[in-house]
Amino acid sequence: MFDFDNEVEPILQVLVGKSIEHARIEVIENYEKTELAKHKTKFLQLKEAELMETQRLEEARFRKNDEVDRRNL
């Protein structure tokens, strides 16, 4: 006859295994999304800092060239 426990157990194992696997993938994706956002923020901060440094150096060069031009006159 039909033995419920023996017949249903493999099906339940597959269903539970798939559910756990899917949940694990979601957790990993969420972690990767969070890490990517952190790296993006850090990259943008570094980019902004480099841009500010470049602008500072260009302004210093402009002031120096302007000073040289005034002295030559």
C-alpha atoms as a PDB file:
ATOM      1  CA  MET A   1       0.000   0.000   0.000  1.00  0.00           C
ATOM      2  CA  PHE A   2       0.932   3.653   0.184  1.00  0.00           C
ATOM      3  CA  ASP A   3       3.434   4.490   2.941  1.00  0.00           C
ATOM      4  CA  PHE A   4       3.063   8.232   3.395  1.00  0.00           C
ATOM      5  CA  ASP A   5       6.345   8.801   5.291  1.00  0.00           C
ATOM      6  CA  ASN A   6       8.466   6.896   2.788  1.00  0.00           C
ATOM      7  CA  GLU A   7       6.787   8.469  -0.240  1.00  0.00           C
ATOM      8  CA  VAL A   8       6.710  12.066   0.985  1.00  0.00           C
ATOM      9  CA  GLU A   9      10.155  12.321   2.589  1.00  0.00           C
ATOM     10  CA  PRO A  10      12.146  12.548  -0.685  1.00  0.00           C
ATOM     11  CA  ILE A  11       9.759  15.186  -2.023  1.00  0.00           C
ATOM     12  CA  LEU A  12      10.057  17.204   1.176  1.00  0.00           C
ATOM     13  CA  GLN A  13      13.853  16.927   1.087  1.00  0.00           C
ATOM     14  CA  VAL A  14      13.909  18.342  -2.439  1.00  0.00           C
ATOM     15  CA  LEU A  15      11.498  21.153  -1.571  1.00  0.00           C
ATOM     16  CA  VAL A  16      13.348  22.094   1.607  1.00  0.00           C
ATOM     17  CA  GLY A  17      16.716  21.841  -0.157  1.00  0.00           C
ATOM     18  CA  LYS A  18      15.547  24.126  -2.979  1.00  0.00           C
ATOM     19  CA  SER A  19      14.089  26.607  -0.488  1.00  0.00           C
ATOM     20  CA  ILE A  20      17.310  26.720   1.516  1.00  0.00           C
ATOM     21  CA  GLU A  21      19.396  27.051  -1.642  1.00  0.00           C
ATOM     22  CA  HIS A  22      17.203  29.912  -2.887  1.00  0.00           C
ATOM     23  CA  ALA A  23      17.391  31.687   0.486  1.00  0.00           C
ATOM     24  CA  ARG A  24      21.161  31.271   0.547  1.00  0.00           C
ATOM     25  CA  ILE A  25      21.468  32.772  -2.932  1.00  0.00           C
ATOM     26  CA  GLU A  26      19.326  35.735  -1.871  1.00  0.00           C
ATOM     27  CA  VAL A  27      21.527  36.323   1.178  1.00  0.00           C
ATOM     28  CA  ILE A  28      24.686  36.188  -0.948  1.00  0.00           C
ATOM     29  CA  GLU A  29      23.193  38.580  -3.523  1.00  0.00           C
ATOM     30  CA  ASN A  30      22.153  40.981  -0.782  1.00  0.00           C
ATOM     31  CA  TYR A  31      25.649  40.873   0.729  1.00  0.00           C
ATOM     32  CA  GLU A  32      27.241  41.488  -2.669  1.00  0.00           C
ATOM     33  CA  LYS A  33      24.873  44.393  -3.308  1.00  0.00           C
ATOM     34  CA  THR A  34      25.827  45.946   0.035  1.00  0.00           C
ATOM     35  CA  GLU A  35      29.543  45.477  -0.630  1.00  0.00           C
ATOM     36  CA  LEU A  36      29.191  46.949  -4.111  1.00  0.00           C
ATOM     37  CA  ALA A  37      27.461  50.010  -2.676  1.00  0.00           C
ATOM     38  CA  LYS A  38      30.295  50.428  -0.133  1.00  0.00           C
ATOM     39  CA  HIS A  39      32.930  50.167  -2.857  1.00  0.00           C
ATOM     40  CA  LYS A  40      31.014  52.609  -5.053  1.00  0.00           C
ATOM     41  CA  THR A  41      30.805  55.133  -2.214  1.00  0.00           C
ATOM     42  CA  LYS A  42      34.504  54.748  -1.463  1.00  0.00           C
ATOM     43  CA  PHE A  43      35.369  55.109  -5.159  1.00  0.00           C
ATOM     44  CA  LEU A  44      33.279  58.273  -5.507  1.00  0.00           C
ATOM     45  CA  GLN A  45      34.913  59.778  -2.409  1.00  0.00           C
ATOM     46  CA  LEU A  46      38.360  58.989  -3.791  1.00  0.00           C
ATOM     47  CA  LYS A  47      37.401  60.399  -7.190  1.00  0.00           C
ATOM     48  CA  GLU A  48      36.146  63.607  -5.564  1.00  0.00           C
ATOM     49  CA  ALA A  49      39.324  63.927  -3.484  1.00  0.00           C
ATOM     50  CA  GLU A  50      41.501  63.462  -6.568  1.00  0.00           C
ATOM     51  CA  LEU A  51      39.459  66.019  -8.480  1.00  0.00           C
ATOM     52  CA  MET A  52      39.853  68.552  -5.666  1.00  0.00           C
ATOM     53  CA  GLU A  53      43.614  67.898  -5.538  1.00  0.00           C
ATOM     54  CA  THR A  54      43.875  68.338  -9.312  1.00  0.00           C
ATOM     55  CA  GLN A  55      41.962  71.598  -9.145  1.00  0.00           C
ATOM     56  CA  ARG A  56      44.189  72.811  -6.301  1.00  0.00           C
ATOM     57  CA  LEU A  57      47.330  71.996  -8.285  1.00  0.00           C
ATOM     58  CA  GLU A  58      45.977  73.689 -11.407  1.00  0.00           C
ATOM     59  CA  GLU A  59      45.133  76.818  -9.426  1.00  0.00           C
ATOM     60  CA  ALA A  60      48.615  76.821  -7.870  1.00  0.00           C
ATOM     61  CA  ARG A  61      50.180  76.466 -11.312  1.00  0.00           C
ATOM     62  CA  PHE A  62      48.001  79.278 -12.637  1.00  0.00           C
ATOM     63  CA  ARG A  63      49.006  81.537  -9.723  1.00  0.00           C
ATOM     64  CA  LYS A  64      52.668  80.686 -10.241  1.00  0.00           C
ATOM     65  CA  ASN A  65      52.488  81.415 -13.978  1.00  0.00           C
ATOM     66  CA  ASP A  66      50.625  84.641 -13.258  1.00  0.00           C
ATOM     67  CA  GLU A  67      53.327  85.642 -10.745  1.00  0.00           C
ATOM     68  CA  VAL A  68      56.062  84.892 -13.292  1.00  0.00           C
ATOM     69  CA  ASP A  69      54.244  86.943 -15.942  1.00  0.00           C
ATOM     70  CA  ARG A  70      53.872  89.903 -13.561  1.00  0.00           C
ATOM     71  CA  ARG A  71      57.556  89.747 -12.636  1.00  0.00           C
ATOM     72  CA  ASN A  72      58.557  89.678 -16.300  1.00  0.00           C
ATOM     73  CA  LEU A  73      56.575  92.812 -16.975  1.00  0.00           C
END
